Amino acid sequence: MRYCCGISAHTTRISDAAVGPDFHKRGHGFACHARLWYFLPLCYRNHQQDQEMNIEDFRDYCLSMDGVTEKTPFGKFARRYDSILVFYVLDHMFCFVDMDDFTSVTVKSTPDEVDEIRMVHSSVSNPINRSLHHWIQLNLNGDISNSEIYTLVKRAYYIVKAKYTGKTK
């Protein structure tokens, strides 16, 4: 079974009309659905040759999502955390990186998805905030492609946005 996002074993064939005829030639004929069904456009759009990820492009990607802000809030607790850049949606964290040592990305996730990601990938580690239940650190230049990292960042954004969006009565 092939994994597109590395998270779900449930797959479905993407039609040539949806992605173009070259998509399947590149070997990406399957895409995850179920819990991640709304990430398919991002998922197949980002299946291109991965280049080394840099902090500027990553920051631009995060800030391109609706309502995202950034802060460096941890320096007031310990000077060594001055370089931790945190991305927020609705005033709640969904992702953070170390600007001085951009070797990993830490994202919010669900407990089940954290377990699934750990089972599928070896280049994950414990987040610096030590909240192992809801956060996972994705190490760059490992067995997780840049496109998968961007997909998981987008997933983290939607998890937080859905949790804190006001409910209609």
N, C-alpha and C. Protein backbone atom coordinates (compact mmCIF):
# COMPACT_ATOMS: atom_id res chain seq x y z
N MET A 1 0.84 -1.17 0.00
CA MET A 1 0.00 0.00 0.00
C MET A 1 0.89 1.24 0.00
N ARG A 2 0.55 2.25 -0.78
CA ARG A 2 1.36 3.44 -0.90
C ARG A 2 0.79 4.55 -0.05
N TYR A 3 1.66 5.32 0.55
CA TYR A 3 1.26 6.43 1.38
C TYR A 3 1.61 7.73 0.68
N CYS A 4 0.66 8.60 0.61
CA CYS A 4 0.92 9.91 0.03
C CYS A 4 1.38 10.85 1.13
N CYS A 5 0.59 11.01 2.15
CA CYS A 5 0.93 11.91 3.25
C CYS A 5 1.57 11.16 4.40
N GLY A 6 1.64 9.85 4.31
CA GLY A 6 2.26 9.07 5.36
C GLY A 6 1.42 8.94 6.61
N ILE A 7 0.13 9.22 6.52
CA ILE A 7 -0.67 9.24 7.72
C ILE A 7 -1.78 8.20 7.70
N SER A 8 -2.37 7.98 6.58
CA SER A 8 -3.51 7.08 6.54
C SER A 8 -3.30 5.98 5.53
N ALA A 9 -3.70 4.77 5.88
CA ALA A 9 -3.58 3.66 4.95
C ALA A 9 -4.72 3.64 3.95
N HIS A 10 -5.72 4.48 4.15
CA HIS A 10 -6.85 4.55 3.24
C HIS A 10 -6.44 5.39 2.04
N THR A 11 -6.48 4.81 0.86
CA THR A 11 -6.05 5.54 -0.32
C THR A 11 -7.10 5.50 -1.40
N THR A 12 -6.99 6.43 -2.31
CA THR A 12 -7.89 6.47 -3.45
C THR A 12 -7.10 6.96 -4.66
N ARG A 13 -7.44 6.50 -5.81
CA ARG A 13 -6.75 6.90 -7.03
C ARG A 13 -7.22 8.29 -7.43
N ILE A 14 -6.28 9.16 -7.74
CA ILE A 14 -6.61 10.50 -8.21
C ILE A 14 -6.71 10.45 -9.72
N SER A 15 -7.74 11.06 -10.27
CA SER A 15 -7.92 11.01 -11.72
C SER A 15 -6.93 11.93 -12.42
N ASP A 16 -6.60 11.60 -13.67
CA ASP A 16 -5.72 12.45 -14.47
C ASP A 16 -6.32 13.83 -14.66
N ALA A 17 -7.64 13.91 -14.74
CA ALA A 17 -8.29 15.20 -14.94
C ALA A 17 -8.05 16.13 -13.76
N ALA A 18 -7.95 15.57 -12.56
CA ALA A 18 -7.78 16.40 -11.38
C ALA A 18 -6.36 16.93 -11.22
N VAL A 19 -5.37 16.17 -11.68
CA VAL A 19 -3.99 16.54 -11.40
C VAL A 19 -3.12 16.69 -12.62
N GLY A 20 -3.60 16.31 -13.77
CA GLY A 20 -2.79 16.40 -14.98
C GLY A 20 -2.13 15.06 -15.28
N PRO A 21 -1.82 14.81 -16.54
CA PRO A 21 -1.31 13.50 -16.95
C PRO A 21 0.08 13.17 -16.40
N ASP A 22 0.90 14.16 -16.10
CA ASP A 22 2.26 13.89 -15.62
C ASP A 22 2.30 13.43 -14.17
N PHE A 23 1.24 13.66 -13.42
CA PHE A 23 1.23 13.32 -12.01
C PHE A 23 1.48 11.83 -11.79
N HIS A 24 0.74 10.98 -12.53
CA HIS A 24 0.88 9.54 -12.36
C HIS A 24 2.23 9.04 -12.87
N LYS A 25 2.79 9.70 -13.86
CA LYS A 25 4.10 9.30 -14.36
C LYS A 25 5.17 9.50 -13.31
N ARG A 26 4.96 10.45 -12.40
CA ARG A 26 5.92 10.70 -11.33
C ARG A 26 5.74 9.70 -10.19
N GLY A 27 4.77 8.81 -10.30
CA GLY A 27 4.61 7.78 -9.28
C GLY A 27 3.74 8.19 -8.11
N HIS A 28 2.90 9.19 -8.29
CA HIS A 28 2.06 9.65 -7.19
C HIS A 28 0.60 9.42 -7.54
N GLY A 29 0.25 8.20 -7.83
CA GLY A 29 -1.10 7.90 -8.27
C GLY A 29 -2.10 7.70 -7.16
N PHE A 30 -1.66 7.77 -5.92
CA PHE A 30 -2.56 7.57 -4.81
C PHE A 30 -2.48 8.75 -3.87
N ALA A 31 -3.57 9.02 -3.20
CA ALA A 31 -3.58 10.12 -2.23
C ALA A 31 -4.44 9.72 -1.04
N CYS A 32 -4.06 10.19 0.10
CA CYS A 32 -4.79 9.86 1.32
C CYS A 32 -6.14 10.54 1.32
N HIS A 33 -7.09 9.91 1.96
CA HIS A 33 -8.37 10.57 2.18
C HIS A 33 -8.79 10.28 3.60
N ALA A 34 -10.03 10.09 3.87
CA ALA A 34 -10.53 9.93 5.24
C ALA A 34 -10.30 11.23 5.99
N ARG A 35 -9.50 11.20 7.06
CA ARG A 35 -9.32 12.39 7.88
C ARG A 35 -8.65 13.53 7.12
N LEU A 36 -7.84 13.24 6.12
CA LEU A 36 -7.08 14.29 5.44
C LEU A 36 -7.63 14.62 4.05
N TRP A 37 -8.87 14.29 3.79
CA TRP A 37 -9.42 14.46 2.46
C TRP A 37 -9.32 15.88 1.95
N TYR A 38 -9.40 16.88 2.82
CA TYR A 38 -9.38 18.26 2.34
C TYR A 38 -7.97 18.77 2.08
N PHE A 39 -6.94 17.93 2.25
CA PHE A 39 -5.58 18.34 1.95
C PHE A 39 -5.11 17.82 0.60
N LEU A 40 -5.97 17.11 -0.12
CA LEU A 40 -5.53 16.55 -1.39
C LEU A 40 -4.96 17.59 -2.35
N PRO A 41 -5.60 18.75 -2.53
CA PRO A 41 -4.99 19.71 -3.46
C PRO A 41 -3.58 20.09 -3.03
N LEU A 42 -3.37 20.35 -1.76
CA LEU A 42 -2.04 20.69 -1.27
C LEU A 42 -1.10 19.51 -1.45
N CYS A 43 -1.60 18.33 -1.18
CA CYS A 43 -0.77 17.13 -1.23
C CYS A 43 -0.24 16.89 -2.64
N TYR A 44 -1.11 16.87 -3.64
CA TYR A 44 -0.59 16.57 -4.97
C TYR A 44 0.08 17.77 -5.60
N ARG A 45 -0.26 18.98 -5.18
CA ARG A 45 0.41 20.17 -5.70
C ARG A 45 1.86 20.21 -5.25
N ASN A 46 2.15 19.72 -4.06
CA ASN A 46 3.50 19.79 -3.52
C ASN A 46 4.36 18.57 -3.84
N HIS A 47 3.84 17.60 -4.60
CA HIS A 47 4.65 16.44 -4.95
C HIS A 47 5.55 16.80 -6.13
N GLN A 48 6.53 17.57 -5.86
CA GLN A 48 7.52 17.93 -6.84
C GLN A 48 8.87 17.61 -6.24
N GLN A 49 9.92 17.79 -6.99
CA GLN A 49 11.24 17.51 -6.46
C GLN A 49 11.46 18.37 -5.22
N ASP A 50 11.74 17.72 -4.10
CA ASP A 50 11.99 18.45 -2.87
C ASP A 50 13.35 19.11 -2.93
N GLN A 51 13.37 20.39 -2.68
CA GLN A 51 14.61 21.13 -2.54
C GLN A 51 14.81 21.33 -1.05
N GLU A 52 16.00 21.72 -0.67
CA GLU A 52 16.25 21.95 0.75
C GLU A 52 15.33 23.07 1.24
N MET A 53 14.62 22.79 2.31
CA MET A 53 13.69 23.76 2.86
C MET A 53 14.49 24.85 3.58
N ASN A 54 14.05 26.10 3.40
CA ASN A 54 14.71 27.19 4.13
C ASN A 54 13.69 27.95 4.95
N ILE A 55 14.17 28.65 5.95
CA ILE A 55 13.30 29.33 6.91
C ILE A 55 12.44 30.41 6.27
N GLU A 56 12.98 31.11 5.27
CA GLU A 56 12.20 32.18 4.63
C GLU A 56 10.99 31.63 3.88
N ASP A 57 11.21 30.56 3.11
CA ASP A 57 10.09 29.96 2.38
C ASP A 57 9.07 29.35 3.33
N PHE A 58 9.58 28.72 4.39
CA PHE A 58 8.68 28.12 5.37
C PHE A 58 7.83 29.20 6.05
N ARG A 59 8.46 30.28 6.44
CA ARG A 59 7.75 31.40 7.08
C ARG A 59 6.70 31.97 6.14
N ASP A 60 7.07 32.18 4.87
CA ASP A 60 6.11 32.69 3.88
C ASP A 60 4.92 31.75 3.72
N TYR A 61 5.19 30.46 3.73
CA TYR A 61 4.11 29.48 3.60
C TYR A 61 3.14 29.59 4.78
N CYS A 62 3.69 29.63 5.99
CA CYS A 62 2.82 29.71 7.17
C CYS A 62 2.01 31.00 7.18
N LEU A 63 2.65 32.11 6.86
CA LEU A 63 1.96 33.39 6.88
C LEU A 63 0.96 33.55 5.74
N SER A 64 1.03 32.69 4.74
CA SER A 64 0.08 32.76 3.62
C SER A 64 -1.29 32.20 4.00
N MET A 65 -1.36 31.47 5.09
CA MET A 65 -2.65 30.92 5.52
C MET A 65 -3.45 32.01 6.22
N ASP A 66 -4.74 31.95 6.07
CA ASP A 66 -5.65 32.99 6.56
C ASP A 66 -5.56 33.16 8.08
N GLY A 67 -5.29 34.40 8.51
CA GLY A 67 -5.31 34.73 9.93
C GLY A 67 -4.09 34.33 10.73
N VAL A 68 -3.01 33.93 10.08
CA VAL A 68 -1.81 33.48 10.80
C VAL A 68 -0.95 34.67 11.22
N THR A 69 -0.49 34.62 12.46
CA THR A 69 0.45 35.61 12.99
C THR A 69 1.67 34.86 13.52
N GLU A 70 2.72 35.60 13.78
CA GLU A 70 3.94 34.99 14.31
C GLU A 70 4.44 35.78 15.50
N LYS A 71 5.09 35.10 16.41
CA LYS A 71 5.67 35.72 17.60
C LYS A 71 6.88 34.90 18.04
N THR A 72 7.69 35.50 18.89
CA THR A 72 8.78 34.78 19.55
C THR A 72 8.55 34.90 21.06
N PRO A 73 7.63 34.12 21.60
CA PRO A 73 7.17 34.31 22.97
C PRO A 73 8.03 33.68 24.07
N PHE A 74 8.92 32.77 23.71
CA PHE A 74 9.58 31.98 24.74
C PHE A 74 10.84 32.62 25.30
N GLY A 75 11.35 33.68 24.68
CA GLY A 75 12.57 34.33 25.16
C GLY A 75 12.41 34.94 26.54
N LYS A 76 11.19 35.30 26.90
CA LYS A 76 10.98 35.88 28.23
C LYS A 76 11.12 34.84 29.34
N PHE A 77 11.05 33.56 28.98
CA PHE A 77 11.20 32.50 29.98
C PHE A 77 12.66 32.05 30.12
N ALA A 78 13.33 31.95 28.98
CA ALA A 78 14.73 31.54 28.98
C ALA A 78 15.40 32.11 27.74
N ARG A 79 16.52 32.72 27.90
CA ARG A 79 17.22 33.38 26.80
C ARG A 79 17.51 32.43 25.64
N ARG A 80 17.76 31.16 25.94
CA ARG A 80 18.09 30.21 24.88
C ARG A 80 16.91 29.96 23.92
N TYR A 81 15.71 30.38 24.32
CA TYR A 81 14.53 30.19 23.47
C TYR A 81 14.15 31.45 22.70
N ASP A 82 15.03 32.45 22.66
CA ASP A 82 14.75 33.68 21.89
C ASP A 82 14.51 33.41 20.41
N SER A 83 15.11 32.37 19.89
CA SER A 83 15.04 32.12 18.45
C SER A 83 13.87 31.21 18.05
N ILE A 84 13.01 30.85 18.97
CA ILE A 84 11.85 30.00 18.63
C ILE A 84 10.75 30.88 18.04
N LEU A 85 10.46 30.66 16.77
CA LEU A 85 9.42 31.39 16.06
C LEU A 85 8.15 30.56 16.07
N VAL A 86 7.07 31.13 16.60
CA VAL A 86 5.81 30.41 16.75
C VAL A 86 4.77 31.02 15.82
N PHE A 87 4.02 30.17 15.15
CA PHE A 87 2.94 30.60 14.27
C PHE A 87 1.61 30.31 14.96
N TYR A 88 0.72 31.30 14.90
CA TYR A 88 -0.57 31.24 15.59
C TYR A 88 -1.71 31.40 14.61
N VAL A 89 -2.83 30.78 14.93
CA VAL A 89 -4.10 31.07 14.29
C VAL A 89 -5.10 31.23 15.43
N LEU A 90 -5.89 32.28 15.38
CA LEU A 90 -6.85 32.60 16.43
C LEU A 90 -6.16 32.66 17.80
N ASP A 91 -4.96 33.21 17.83
CA ASP A 91 -4.16 33.39 19.05
C ASP A 91 -3.76 32.08 19.73
N HIS A 92 -3.71 30.99 18.97
CA HIS A 92 -3.28 29.70 19.50
C HIS A 92 -2.21 29.10 18.59
N MET A 93 -1.18 28.53 19.20
CA MET A 93 -0.05 27.96 18.45
C MET A 93 -0.48 26.75 17.64
N PHE A 94 0.06 26.66 16.42
CA PHE A 94 -0.12 25.44 15.64
C PHE A 94 1.22 24.91 15.11
N CYS A 95 2.27 25.72 15.16
CA CYS A 95 3.54 25.31 14.60
C CYS A 95 4.65 26.18 15.16
N PHE A 96 5.85 25.61 15.35
CA PHE A 96 6.99 26.45 15.70
C PHE A 96 8.30 25.85 15.21
N VAL A 97 9.27 26.75 15.01
CA VAL A 97 10.59 26.38 14.50
C VAL A 97 11.65 27.19 15.24
N ASP A 98 12.88 26.70 15.18
CA ASP A 98 14.02 27.44 15.72
C ASP A 98 14.67 28.17 14.56
N MET A 99 14.66 29.50 14.60
CA MET A 99 15.21 30.29 13.50
C MET A 99 16.72 30.15 13.38
N ASP A 100 17.40 29.94 14.49
CA ASP A 100 18.86 29.81 14.46
C ASP A 100 19.32 28.42 14.04
N ASP A 101 18.50 27.43 14.25
CA ASP A 101 18.85 26.05 13.93
C ASP A 101 17.65 25.41 13.23
N PHE A 102 17.44 25.78 11.97
CA PHE A 102 16.27 25.33 11.23
C PHE A 102 16.50 23.91 10.71
N THR A 103 16.42 22.95 11.62
CA THR A 103 16.60 21.54 11.27
C THR A 103 15.35 20.72 11.54
N SER A 104 14.32 21.37 12.09
CA SER A 104 13.08 20.66 12.39
C SER A 104 11.92 21.63 12.43
N VAL A 105 10.73 21.07 12.33
CA VAL A 105 9.48 21.81 12.43
C VAL A 105 8.62 21.06 13.44
N THR A 106 8.05 21.76 14.39
CA THR A 106 7.18 21.13 15.38
C THR A 106 5.75 21.55 15.09
N VAL A 107 4.85 20.57 14.98
CA VAL A 107 3.47 20.84 14.62
C VAL A 107 2.51 20.21 15.63
N LYS A 108 1.36 20.82 15.75
CA LYS A 108 0.29 20.27 16.58
C LYS A 108 -0.42 19.20 15.77
N SER A 109 -0.89 18.18 16.46
CA SER A 109 -1.61 17.10 15.80
C SER A 109 -2.55 16.46 16.80
N THR A 110 -3.27 15.47 16.36
CA THR A 110 -4.12 14.71 17.27
C THR A 110 -3.30 13.56 17.83
N PRO A 111 -3.65 13.04 18.98
CA PRO A 111 -2.89 11.92 19.55
C PRO A 111 -2.79 10.71 18.61
N ASP A 112 -3.88 10.39 17.93
CA ASP A 112 -3.87 9.25 17.00
C ASP A 112 -2.92 9.51 15.83
N GLU A 113 -2.96 10.72 15.30
CA GLU A 113 -2.09 11.03 14.17
C GLU A 113 -0.62 11.08 14.59
N VAL A 114 -0.33 11.55 15.80
CA VAL A 114 1.04 11.53 16.30
C VAL A 114 1.56 10.09 16.29
N ASP A 115 0.74 9.16 16.78
CA ASP A 115 1.14 7.75 16.80
C ASP A 115 1.35 7.21 15.39
N GLU A 116 0.45 7.55 14.47
CA GLU A 116 0.56 7.08 13.09
C GLU A 116 1.82 7.62 12.42
N ILE A 117 2.11 8.90 12.63
CA ILE A 117 3.30 9.51 12.03
C ILE A 117 4.56 8.84 12.57
N ARG A 118 4.58 8.57 13.86
CA ARG A 118 5.74 7.90 14.47
C ARG A 118 5.93 6.49 13.93
N MET A 119 4.84 5.80 13.62
CA MET A 119 4.95 4.44 13.08
C MET A 119 5.49 4.44 11.65
N VAL A 120 5.14 5.45 10.86
CA VAL A 120 5.49 5.49 9.45
C VAL A 120 6.88 6.09 9.22
N HIS A 121 7.27 7.07 10.02
CA HIS A 121 8.52 7.81 9.78
C HIS A 121 9.51 7.65 10.93
N SER A 122 10.77 7.60 10.57
CA SER A 122 11.81 7.51 11.59
C SER A 122 12.41 8.87 11.96
N SER A 123 12.24 9.87 11.11
CA SER A 123 12.84 11.17 11.38
C SER A 123 11.88 12.10 12.12
N VAL A 124 11.35 11.59 13.22
CA VAL A 124 10.53 12.39 14.12
C VAL A 124 11.15 12.30 15.51
N SER A 125 10.92 13.31 16.31
CA SER A 125 11.45 13.28 17.67
C SER A 125 10.51 14.03 18.60
N ASN A 126 10.87 14.04 19.86
CA ASN A 126 10.03 14.70 20.85
C ASN A 126 10.15 16.21 20.70
N PRO A 127 9.05 16.92 20.81
CA PRO A 127 9.08 18.37 20.68
C PRO A 127 9.76 19.02 21.89
N ILE A 128 10.26 20.24 21.69
CA ILE A 128 10.95 20.91 22.79
C ILE A 128 9.99 21.29 23.91
N ASN A 129 8.70 21.41 23.59
CA ASN A 129 7.75 21.75 24.64
C ASN A 129 7.34 20.52 25.46
N ARG A 130 7.83 19.36 25.10
CA ARG A 130 7.62 18.10 25.83
C ARG A 130 6.16 17.66 25.92
N SER A 131 5.31 18.24 25.09
CA SER A 131 3.92 17.81 25.05
C SER A 131 3.79 16.72 23.98
N LEU A 132 4.11 15.51 24.37
CA LEU A 132 4.20 14.41 23.42
C LEU A 132 2.84 13.95 22.89
N HIS A 133 1.80 14.30 23.60
CA HIS A 133 0.47 13.83 23.24
C HIS A 133 -0.12 14.58 22.04
N HIS A 134 0.18 15.87 21.92
CA HIS A 134 -0.44 16.69 20.88
C HIS A 134 0.55 17.36 19.92
N TRP A 135 1.85 17.19 20.14
CA TRP A 135 2.87 17.84 19.32
C TRP A 135 3.87 16.81 18.84
N ILE A 136 4.40 17.05 17.64
CA ILE A 136 5.44 16.17 17.11
C ILE A 136 6.47 17.01 16.36
N GLN A 137 7.73 16.66 16.55
CA GLN A 137 8.81 17.36 15.86
C GLN A 137 9.20 16.57 14.63
N LEU A 138 9.15 17.23 13.47
CA LEU A 138 9.48 16.62 12.19
C LEU A 138 10.87 17.09 11.79
N ASN A 139 11.81 16.18 11.72
CA ASN A 139 13.18 16.55 11.40
C ASN A 139 13.35 16.68 9.89
N LEU A 140 13.94 17.78 9.47
CA LEU A 140 14.16 18.05 8.05
C LEU A 140 15.27 17.15 7.53
N ASN A 141 15.27 16.92 6.24
CA ASN A 141 16.30 16.12 5.56
C ASN A 141 16.33 14.67 6.06
N GLY A 142 15.18 14.20 6.49
CA GLY A 142 15.07 12.80 6.91
C GLY A 142 14.17 12.06 5.94
N ASP A 143 13.36 11.14 6.46
CA ASP A 143 12.48 10.37 5.58
C ASP A 143 11.11 11.00 5.39
N ILE A 144 10.95 12.23 5.83
CA ILE A 144 9.71 12.98 5.61
C ILE A 144 10.01 14.04 4.56
N SER A 145 9.30 13.99 3.45
CA SER A 145 9.55 14.95 2.37
C SER A 145 9.05 16.33 2.78
N ASN A 146 9.56 17.34 2.10
CA ASN A 146 9.11 18.71 2.36
C ASN A 146 7.61 18.84 2.11
N SER A 147 7.11 18.18 1.09
CA SER A 147 5.67 18.29 0.79
C SER A 147 4.84 17.68 1.92
N GLU A 148 5.32 16.60 2.52
CA GLU A 148 4.61 16.01 3.65
C GLU A 148 4.66 16.94 4.86
N ILE A 149 5.79 17.60 5.06
CA ILE A 149 5.90 18.54 6.17
C ILE A 149 4.93 19.70 5.98
N TYR A 150 4.87 20.25 4.76
CA TYR A 150 3.92 21.32 4.49
C TYR A 150 2.48 20.84 4.70
N THR A 151 2.18 19.62 4.32
CA THR A 151 0.84 19.07 4.51
C THR A 151 0.52 18.95 6.00
N LEU A 152 1.48 18.51 6.80
CA LEU A 152 1.26 18.38 8.24
C LEU A 152 1.14 19.74 8.92
N VAL A 153 1.85 20.74 8.41
CA VAL A 153 1.71 22.10 8.93
C VAL A 153 0.30 22.61 8.64
N LYS A 154 -0.17 22.38 7.43
CA LYS A 154 -1.54 22.79 7.06
C LYS A 154 -2.56 22.05 7.93
N ARG A 155 -2.31 20.79 8.17
CA ARG A 155 -3.20 20.00 9.03
C ARG A 155 -3.24 20.59 10.44
N ALA A 156 -2.07 20.97 10.97
CA ALA A 156 -2.00 21.57 12.31
C ALA A 156 -2.80 22.87 12.35
N TYR A 157 -2.67 23.65 11.30
CA TYR A 157 -3.42 24.91 11.19
C TYR A 157 -4.92 24.65 11.29
N TYR A 158 -5.41 23.66 10.54
CA TYR A 158 -6.84 23.37 10.56
C TYR A 158 -7.30 22.75 11.88
N ILE A 159 -6.46 21.98 12.52
CA ILE A 159 -6.82 21.42 13.84
C ILE A 159 -7.07 22.55 14.83
N VAL A 160 -6.14 23.49 14.90
CA VAL A 160 -6.27 24.60 15.85
C VAL A 160 -7.41 25.52 15.45
N LYS A 161 -7.52 25.83 14.16
CA LYS A 161 -8.58 26.73 13.70
C LYS A 161 -9.96 26.14 14.01
N ALA A 162 -10.13 24.84 13.77
CA ALA A 162 -11.42 24.20 14.04
C ALA A 162 -11.75 24.19 15.53
N LYS A 163 -10.73 23.99 16.34
CA LYS A 163 -10.97 23.93 17.80
C LYS A 163 -11.40 25.27 18.37
N TYR A 164 -10.83 26.35 17.85
CA TYR A 164 -11.06 27.67 18.45
C TYR A 164 -11.97 28.58 17.66
N THR A 165 -12.54 28.10 16.58
CA THR A 165 -13.51 28.89 15.83
C THR A 165 -14.82 28.86 16.61
N GLY A 166 -15.45 30.03 16.76
CA GLY A 166 -16.71 30.10 17.51
C GLY A 166 -17.79 29.25 16.89
N LYS A 167 -18.53 28.58 17.72
CA LYS A 167 -19.60 27.70 17.26
C LYS A 167 -20.88 28.51 17.08
N THR A 168 -21.58 28.25 15.97
CA THR A 168 -22.84 28.93 15.70
C THR A 168 -23.95 28.31 16.52
N LYS A 169 -24.76 29.18 17.13
CA LYS A 169 -25.87 28.69 17.97
C LYS A 169 -27.18 28.87 17.29
